[in-house]
Amino acid sequence: MEIYIFDRNLNFKGIVEQFISLRYVRKYHERGEFELQCSLTIDSLLLLKRENIIYLKDDVEAAYIEYINLKKDDDGNEIMVAKGKFLTGYLDRRIVWGTEIISDTAEKAMRQLVDHNCINPSDTNRKINNLILGDIKNFTAAVNYQVSYANLGDEIESLSNISGLGHRVKFDINNRKLIFEVYQGIDRSINQNINPRAIFSKEFENVMAQEFTDSLNNYRNIALIGGIGEGTDRKLAVVGNAAGLDRFEIFADQRNLSNVDENNNPISDAEYMKLLIEKGNETLATTKEILTFDSKINPNSNLKYKTDFDLGDVVTCVSKQWNLVINARITEIEEVYEVDGPSINITFGNNIPTLIKKIKRKLR
C-alpha cells in the first residue's frame, strides 16, 4: 500500500511506500484522525512534515499532519510518528464570526456556515484556499438555528448530529480542490427492500469479534432551555416528553441566545421559542442512550468494504448467542494497516462520549 503526500497547497510531494503501521479512522459526524508510524529516514523526514496532506489511493477523503514525534523504540530503532486529522479539521481553525440565524434545512445551514466563514468571508484573510462547496443534495431535515462566535467545526458537528447527516471534505486531486459535502449513508438494514441488505453476525462469519454496549450513563430525554431574562421573566422552553423513572432531565443555559437578528432587529417571541427548542434538540442529540456494536470485520467475508457497506450506512447487527438484532448506523470505521495485513474495526451506533466531549458539552 502506498501513501501519497501533498503539501497544503495540494502540490504532490512524493510517496511513502514502506511504513510500520497506519491507523486511519473515518467518522460520520466528527473529524476523522490518523496515526502513521514508519522508520526514520531522510525520505520520511522530507515528506512527513506538519501541514502536509496524506492521501490513500482511491479514497474520497484525505488528512493533514499536525503532530510529528521522533523516537527510539526498545530495540534502538529510530521511529517517526505522524498524527493528524481529516481535512474537515480545517474547520476547527475558524469561529462563526458574528451571529448567524438560520431557519432552513440542516444541509443548507452547514453549507452557509462554511461558506460565510471559510469560502466567501467578508475578511478575505479568513478564506481557506482551494475549499469549495459540493453539489447540494436537498436533504429535508430542518433546523431553527442561532450561533455566535462558536468554533465552526463544533457547530458543523452539532448540526450533523441533530440531522443524522454526515459531512466531509473531499480531496479532488485532478482539479486540486477541497470540496465540503453533506451526505447521507444508505439504508442497508433488514427493514427495507430497496437496497441490498448488509447483516453483520459472527454466525455469518463476516464478524471476527464483537463487543456490545447498552448504557444510560449519558442519557437525557427532557431538556429545559433557559434563554434571556431573569427570574419569572426568563424565557423558557421544554423539549421532550417522558414521565416517572423514564424521565431524564437536563438544563441547557442559553442566556446568551439573542432575541435580535444579525441586523439588530427584534425577532418575535414565537421565532425566539423556535430557537430555544432547537438548542434543546442540540443538547439531546449529545445525550442519547449508548447502544453500540463494536466489531472487528472479517476482510474476506461475503460483505465487501466500500461496496456492500460504507461509513454512514444503516445496517443490521445480529448476535444469536446474545439474542440481539439491532439496526444501526456505521458511525466510525477504523482501518489498520500493519505488516500482518489490513484489518477493519467498525462502530455501529452511538459511541460513548469521551471526557473532553463531556467538558465541551458543559461549556456550550
Protein backbone atom coordinates (compact mmCIF):
# COMPACT_ATOMS: atom_id res chain seq x y z
CA MET A 1 0.00 0.00 0.00
CA GLU A 2 1.27 3.48 -0.90
CA ILE A 3 0.60 6.75 0.91
CA TYR A 4 0.64 9.84 -1.31
CA ILE A 5 1.93 13.07 0.20
CA PHE A 6 0.88 16.60 -0.82
CA ASP A 7 1.69 19.99 0.64
CA ARG A 8 -1.17 22.13 1.92
CA ASN A 9 -1.37 23.90 -1.45
CA LEU A 10 -2.19 20.46 -2.91
CA ASN A 11 1.12 20.05 -4.73
CA PHE A 12 2.29 16.43 -4.96
CA LYS A 13 5.49 15.84 -2.94
CA GLY A 14 6.11 12.09 -3.03
CA ILE A 15 5.08 8.62 -1.87
CA VAL A 16 5.62 6.78 1.41
CA GLU A 17 6.00 3.18 0.21
CA GLN A 18 7.05 1.47 3.42
CA PHE A 19 5.75 2.01 6.93
CA ILE A 20 5.34 0.11 10.17
CA SER A 21 1.67 0.81 10.79
CA LEU A 22 -1.17 3.12 9.79
CA ARG A 23 -4.31 3.69 11.82
CA TYR A 24 -6.85 5.57 9.67
CA VAL A 25 -10.16 6.38 11.37
CA ARG A 26 -13.12 7.64 9.34
CA LYS A 27 -16.03 9.23 11.23
CA TYR A 28 -19.54 10.16 10.08
CA HIS A 29 -20.42 13.05 12.43
CA GLU A 30 -16.94 14.10 13.57
CA ARG A 31 -13.43 14.80 12.31
CA GLY A 32 -11.56 11.63 11.39
CA GLU A 33 -7.99 11.03 12.58
CA PHE A 34 -4.90 9.01 11.72
CA GLU A 35 -1.59 7.82 13.15
CA LEU A 36 1.29 6.72 10.93
CA GLN A 37 4.48 5.03 12.18
CA CYS A 38 7.46 4.48 9.93
CA SER A 39 11.23 4.13 10.09
CA LEU A 40 13.11 7.40 10.43
CA THR A 41 14.80 8.03 7.10
CA ILE A 42 15.78 11.04 5.00
CA ASP A 43 12.75 10.43 2.78
CA SER A 44 10.30 10.26 5.69
CA LEU A 45 11.78 13.44 7.21
CA LEU A 46 11.34 15.26 3.91
CA LEU A 47 7.80 14.05 3.26
CA LEU A 48 6.16 13.83 6.66
CA LYS A 49 6.04 17.44 7.79
CA ARG A 50 3.42 19.37 9.71
CA GLU A 51 0.58 20.58 7.47
CA ASN A 52 1.41 18.14 4.66
CA ILE A 53 -1.52 16.02 3.48
CA ILE A 54 -1.64 12.22 3.37
CA TYR A 55 -3.89 10.52 0.83
CA LEU A 56 -4.71 6.84 0.30
CA LYS A 57 -5.27 5.90 -3.33
CA ASP A 58 -8.93 5.79 -4.44
CA ASP A 59 -10.18 7.29 -1.17
CA VAL A 60 -12.52 10.29 -1.25
CA GLU A 61 -11.02 11.97 1.82
CA ALA A 62 -7.54 12.88 3.00
CA ALA A 63 -5.89 14.05 6.22
CA TYR A 64 -3.31 16.61 7.28
CA ILE A 65 -0.36 16.17 9.63
CA GLU A 66 -0.45 18.23 12.82
CA TYR A 67 1.94 16.27 15.05
CA ILE A 68 5.40 14.76 14.48
CA ASN A 69 7.36 12.71 17.01
CA LEU A 70 10.82 11.17 16.58
CA LYS A 71 11.89 8.45 19.00
CA LYS A 72 13.81 5.21 19.51
CA ASP A 73 11.96 2.02 20.32
CA ASP A 74 13.09 -0.62 22.84
CA ASP A 75 15.31 -2.25 20.20
CA GLY A 76 17.08 1.01 19.38
CA ASN A 77 15.30 1.55 16.05
CA GLU A 78 14.56 5.17 15.14
CA ILE A 79 10.84 5.67 14.61
CA MET A 80 8.87 8.55 13.17
CA VAL A 81 5.26 9.05 14.27
CA ALA A 82 2.91 11.37 12.38
CA LYS A 83 -0.61 12.14 13.63
CA GLY A 84 -3.37 14.37 12.37
CA LYS A 85 -6.99 14.94 11.41
CA PHE A 86 -9.04 14.51 8.29
CA LEU A 87 -9.45 17.68 6.22
CA THR A 88 -12.71 18.56 8.00
CA GLY A 89 -10.36 19.52 10.84
CA TYR A 90 -9.58 22.70 8.91
CA LEU A 91 -12.99 23.97 10.05
CA ASP A 92 -11.65 24.00 13.63
CA ARG A 93 -9.42 26.90 12.59
CA ARG A 94 -12.41 29.21 12.22
CA ILE A 95 -15.09 30.56 14.51
CA VAL A 96 -18.55 31.68 13.46
CA TRP A 97 -17.70 35.35 13.07
CA GLY A 98 -20.71 37.31 14.30
CA THR A 99 -24.26 36.00 14.59
CA GLU A 100 -25.91 33.57 12.19
CA ILE A 101 -29.66 32.92 12.39
CA ILE A 102 -30.80 30.15 10.06
CA SER A 103 -34.30 28.72 9.58
CA ASP A 104 -33.74 26.23 6.80
CA THR A 105 -32.55 22.68 6.24
CA ALA A 106 -29.58 21.38 8.22
CA GLU A 107 -27.72 20.82 4.97
CA LYS A 108 -28.11 24.43 3.90
CA ALA A 109 -27.21 25.62 7.41
CA MET A 110 -23.93 23.69 7.31
CA ARG A 111 -23.16 24.96 3.83
CA GLN A 112 -23.94 28.55 4.84
CA LEU A 113 -21.69 28.45 7.90
CA VAL A 114 -18.79 27.04 5.88
CA ASP A 115 -19.36 29.49 3.03
CA HIS A 116 -19.55 32.58 5.27
CA ASN A 117 -16.51 31.66 7.36
CA CYS A 118 -14.17 29.78 5.01
CA ILE A 119 -15.07 30.29 1.34
CA ASN A 120 -16.60 33.76 0.95
CA PRO A 121 -15.92 35.57 4.25
CA SER A 122 -16.12 39.36 4.38
CA ASP A 123 -12.50 39.37 5.58
CA THR A 124 -10.51 37.67 2.81
CA ASN A 125 -7.79 36.70 5.33
CA ARG A 126 -10.26 34.13 6.67
CA LYS A 127 -10.62 32.37 3.31
CA ILE A 128 -9.32 28.77 3.08
CA ASN A 129 -7.72 28.41 -0.31
CA ASN A 130 -8.99 25.68 -2.65
CA LEU A 131 -12.07 24.99 -0.48
CA ILE A 132 -15.40 24.97 -2.33
CA LEU A 133 -18.94 23.72 -1.73
CA GLY A 134 -20.00 20.46 -3.35
CA ASP A 135 -23.34 19.83 -5.01
CA ILE A 136 -26.37 20.35 -2.81
CA LYS A 137 -28.32 17.12 -2.17
CA ASN A 138 -31.52 18.76 -0.85
CA PHE A 139 -31.87 16.71 2.33
CA THR A 140 -35.03 17.79 4.12
CA ALA A 141 -34.08 17.72 7.84
CA ALA A 142 -34.88 21.25 9.09
CA VAL A 143 -33.39 23.46 11.82
CA ASN A 144 -34.04 26.81 13.50
CA TYR A 145 -30.54 27.81 14.39
CA GLN A 146 -28.69 30.70 16.02
CA VAL A 147 -24.99 30.77 16.77
CA SER A 148 -22.44 33.46 17.63
CA TYR A 149 -18.64 33.25 17.86
CA ALA A 150 -18.54 29.48 18.42
CA ASN A 151 -15.99 27.11 16.92
CA LEU A 152 -17.09 26.36 13.35
CA GLY A 153 -16.06 22.70 13.44
CA ASP A 154 -18.06 22.11 16.62
CA GLU A 155 -21.15 23.76 15.13
CA ILE A 156 -20.97 21.67 11.96
CA GLU A 157 -20.63 18.54 14.11
CA SER A 158 -23.65 19.63 16.17
CA LEU A 159 -25.80 20.14 13.06
CA SER A 160 -24.62 16.77 11.78
CA ASN A 161 -25.71 15.04 14.99
CA ILE A 162 -29.10 16.78 15.06
CA SER A 163 -29.95 15.94 11.46
CA GLY A 164 -28.40 12.47 11.13
CA LEU A 165 -26.40 13.72 8.13
CA GLY A 166 -22.70 13.21 7.65
CA HIS A 167 -20.19 15.77 6.42
CA ARG A 168 -16.70 15.60 4.92
CA VAL A 169 -14.15 17.48 2.88
CA LYS A 170 -13.44 15.51 -0.27
CA PHE A 171 -9.98 15.64 -1.85
CA ASP A 172 -10.25 16.31 -5.60
CA ILE A 173 -6.74 15.57 -6.88
CA ASN A 174 -7.45 16.23 -10.55
CA ASN A 175 -8.87 19.71 -10.01
CA ARG A 176 -6.78 20.47 -6.91
CA LYS A 177 -9.84 21.35 -4.84
CA LEU A 178 -11.16 20.59 -1.37
CA ILE A 179 -14.91 20.00 -1.55
CA PHE A 180 -17.12 20.43 1.52
CA GLU A 181 -20.00 18.00 1.21
CA VAL A 182 -23.01 16.99 3.27
CA TYR A 183 -24.03 13.38 2.64
CA GLN A 184 -26.17 10.55 3.96
CA GLY A 185 -25.44 6.87 4.26
CA ILE A 186 -27.53 4.21 2.55
CA ASP A 187 -30.15 2.18 4.41
CA ARG A 188 -29.00 -1.44 4.05
CA SER A 189 -30.90 -2.81 7.05
CA ILE A 190 -33.32 -5.73 7.06
CA ASN A 191 -36.20 -3.25 7.46
CA GLN A 192 -36.10 -2.15 3.80
CA ASN A 193 -36.39 -3.80 0.40
CA ILE A 194 -34.80 -1.20 -1.89
CA ASN A 195 -31.06 -1.65 -1.32
CA PRO A 196 -29.05 -4.86 -0.88
CA ARG A 197 -29.03 -5.74 2.81
CA ALA A 198 -25.91 -5.80 4.98
CA ILE A 199 -26.20 -8.07 8.01
CA PHE A 200 -23.23 -8.45 10.34
CA SER A 201 -23.05 -11.52 12.54
CA LYS A 202 -20.47 -13.99 13.82
CA GLU A 203 -22.86 -16.69 12.66
CA PHE A 204 -22.48 -15.35 9.10
CA GLU A 205 -18.68 -15.38 9.53
CA ASN A 206 -18.31 -11.74 8.48
CA VAL A 207 -17.51 -10.64 12.05
CA MET A 208 -14.45 -11.92 13.88
CA ALA A 209 -15.16 -10.31 17.27
CA GLN A 210 -18.00 -8.29 18.77
CA GLU A 211 -18.48 -6.07 21.79
CA PHE A 212 -21.95 -4.80 22.72
CA THR A 213 -22.61 -1.78 24.97
CA ASP A 214 -26.03 -0.72 26.28
CA SER A 215 -25.75 2.25 28.66
CA LEU A 216 -27.88 5.03 30.17
CA ASN A 217 -24.84 6.69 31.73
CA ASN A 218 -25.02 9.72 29.42
CA TYR A 219 -28.75 9.60 28.66
CA ARG A 220 -31.14 12.57 28.93
CA ASN A 221 -34.51 12.88 27.18
CA ILE A 222 -36.00 16.11 28.61
CA ALA A 223 -34.26 19.44 28.11
CA LEU A 224 -35.27 22.64 29.88
CA ILE A 225 -33.76 25.52 27.95
CA GLY A 226 -33.27 28.89 29.60
CA GLY A 227 -33.00 31.94 27.36
CA ILE A 228 -32.81 35.67 28.03
CA GLY A 229 -34.35 37.33 31.09
CA GLU A 230 -34.18 36.90 34.86
CA GLY A 231 -36.43 35.18 37.38
CA THR A 232 -40.05 34.85 36.30
CA ASP A 233 -39.33 36.92 33.19
CA ARG A 234 -36.85 34.41 31.83
CA LYS A 235 -37.74 32.78 28.51
CA LEU A 236 -38.02 29.00 28.96
CA ALA A 237 -38.76 26.10 26.63
CA VAL A 238 -39.05 22.35 27.13
CA VAL A 239 -38.07 19.65 24.63
CA GLY A 240 -39.04 16.02 25.12
CA ASN A 241 -41.91 14.05 26.63
CA ALA A 242 -41.47 11.43 29.35
CA ALA A 243 -42.64 10.74 32.92
CA GLY A 244 -41.66 8.92 36.08
CA LEU A 245 -38.42 6.95 36.06
CA ASP A 246 -38.42 7.13 32.26
CA ARG A 247 -37.80 10.90 32.52
CA PHE A 248 -34.14 12.03 32.43
CA GLU A 249 -33.79 15.81 32.68
CA ILE A 250 -31.06 18.29 31.74
CA PHE A 251 -30.88 22.09 31.81
CA ALA A 252 -29.40 23.98 28.86
CA ASP A 253 -28.35 27.52 29.77
CA GLN A 254 -28.82 29.68 26.67
CA ARG A 255 -28.97 33.11 28.32
CA ASN A 256 -26.70 34.42 25.55
CA LEU A 257 -29.17 33.43 22.84
CA SER A 258 -30.14 36.82 21.42
CA ASN A 259 -33.67 37.92 20.58
CA VAL A 260 -32.46 40.22 17.79
CA ASP A 261 -31.30 39.21 14.33
CA GLU A 262 -27.95 39.88 12.63
CA ASN A 263 -29.22 43.36 11.67
CA ASN A 264 -30.16 44.11 15.29
CA ASN A 265 -33.87 43.91 14.55
CA PRO A 266 -36.03 42.21 17.21
CA ILE A 267 -37.42 38.77 16.44
CA SER A 268 -40.87 37.63 17.56
CA ASP A 269 -41.44 35.57 20.70
CA ALA A 270 -42.59 32.67 18.53
CA GLU A 271 -39.39 32.74 16.49
CA TYR A 272 -37.31 33.02 19.66
CA MET A 273 -39.05 29.94 21.12
CA LYS A 274 -38.15 28.02 17.94
CA LEU A 275 -34.51 28.93 18.52
CA LEU A 276 -34.70 27.77 22.15
CA ILE A 277 -36.29 24.48 21.09
CA GLU A 278 -33.54 23.93 18.54
CA LYS A 279 -30.94 24.43 21.29
CA GLY A 280 -32.78 21.78 23.26
CA ASN A 281 -32.62 19.43 20.28
CA GLU A 282 -28.88 20.11 20.06
CA THR A 283 -28.46 19.21 23.72
CA LEU A 284 -30.46 15.98 23.47
CA ALA A 285 -28.54 14.99 20.32
CA THR A 286 -25.44 14.72 22.53
CA THR A 287 -27.15 12.82 25.38
CA LYS A 288 -28.51 9.77 23.61
CA GLU A 289 -28.51 6.32 25.16
CA ILE A 290 -25.40 4.39 24.25
CA LEU A 291 -26.24 1.41 22.07
CA THR A 292 -23.25 0.14 20.11
CA PHE A 293 -21.79 -2.91 18.49
CA ASP A 294 -18.02 -2.56 18.15
CA SER A 295 -16.95 -5.22 15.68
CA LYS A 296 -13.78 -6.47 14.04
CA ILE A 297 -14.75 -7.32 10.49
CA ASN A 298 -13.58 -10.34 8.51
CA PRO A 299 -11.98 -8.75 5.40
CA ASN A 300 -12.56 -11.96 3.41
CA SER A 301 -16.27 -12.26 4.13
CA ASN A 302 -19.34 -12.01 1.90
CA LEU A 303 -19.63 -8.24 2.58
CA LYS A 304 -17.02 -6.07 0.89
CA TYR A 305 -15.98 -2.76 2.42
CA LYS A 306 -16.97 0.30 0.31
CA THR A 307 -19.02 -1.95 -1.99
CA ASP A 308 -21.58 -3.66 0.25
CA PHE A 309 -21.26 -1.22 3.17
CA ASP A 310 -19.55 2.06 3.99
CA LEU A 311 -19.39 4.84 6.56
CA GLY A 312 -22.82 6.27 7.34
CA ASP A 313 -24.81 3.27 6.10
CA VAL A 314 -27.58 1.83 8.27
CA VAL A 315 -27.05 -1.93 8.63
CA THR A 316 -28.27 -4.79 10.80
CA CYS A 317 -26.15 -6.36 13.55
CA VAL A 318 -27.13 -9.80 14.81
CA SER A 319 -25.91 -11.98 17.65
CA LYS A 320 -27.88 -15.19 18.07
CA GLN A 321 -25.85 -16.07 21.14
CA TRP A 322 -26.79 -12.78 22.84
CA ASN A 323 -30.31 -12.74 21.35
CA LEU A 324 -29.73 -9.30 19.78
CA VAL A 325 -30.88 -7.76 16.50
CA ILE A 326 -30.05 -4.07 16.08
CA ASN A 327 -30.38 -1.72 13.12
CA ALA A 328 -27.66 0.91 13.49
CA ARG A 329 -25.70 3.45 11.50
CA ILE A 330 -22.00 2.89 10.87
CA THR A 331 -20.63 5.94 12.69
CA GLU A 332 -16.92 5.08 12.67
CA ILE A 333 -14.60 2.87 10.65
CA GLU A 334 -11.02 2.26 11.77
CA GLU A 335 -8.72 0.98 9.03
CA VAL A 336 -5.50 -0.55 10.35
CA TYR A 337 -2.59 -1.41 8.06
CA GLU A 338 0.31 -3.41 9.54
CA VAL A 339 2.90 -5.95 8.49
CA ASP A 340 0.44 -8.78 9.14
CA GLY A 341 -2.07 -7.22 6.74
CA PRO A 342 -5.07 -4.88 6.91
CA SER A 343 -7.96 -5.05 9.36
CA ILE A 344 -11.20 -3.12 9.79
CA ASN A 345 -12.91 -2.22 13.06
CA ILE A 346 -16.40 -0.75 12.90
CA THR A 347 -18.57 1.12 15.39
CA PHE A 348 -22.30 0.63 14.83
CA GLY A 349 -24.47 3.15 16.67
CA ASN A 350 -23.78 5.91 19.20
CA ASN A 351 -20.35 5.69 20.73
CA ILE A 352 -19.54 6.51 24.35
CA PRO A 353 -18.61 10.22 24.74
CA THR A 354 -15.10 10.98 25.87
CA LEU A 355 -14.26 13.16 28.86
CA ILE A 356 -13.20 16.01 26.55
CA LYS A 357 -16.56 15.88 24.76
CA LYS A 358 -18.39 15.98 28.10
CA ILE A 359 -16.39 19.05 29.16
CA LYS A 360 -17.12 20.79 25.82
CA ARG A 361 -20.81 19.99 26.24
CA LYS A 362 -20.90 21.67 29.67
CA LEU A 363 -19.22 24.77 28.22
CA ARG A 364 -21.71 25.16 25.36
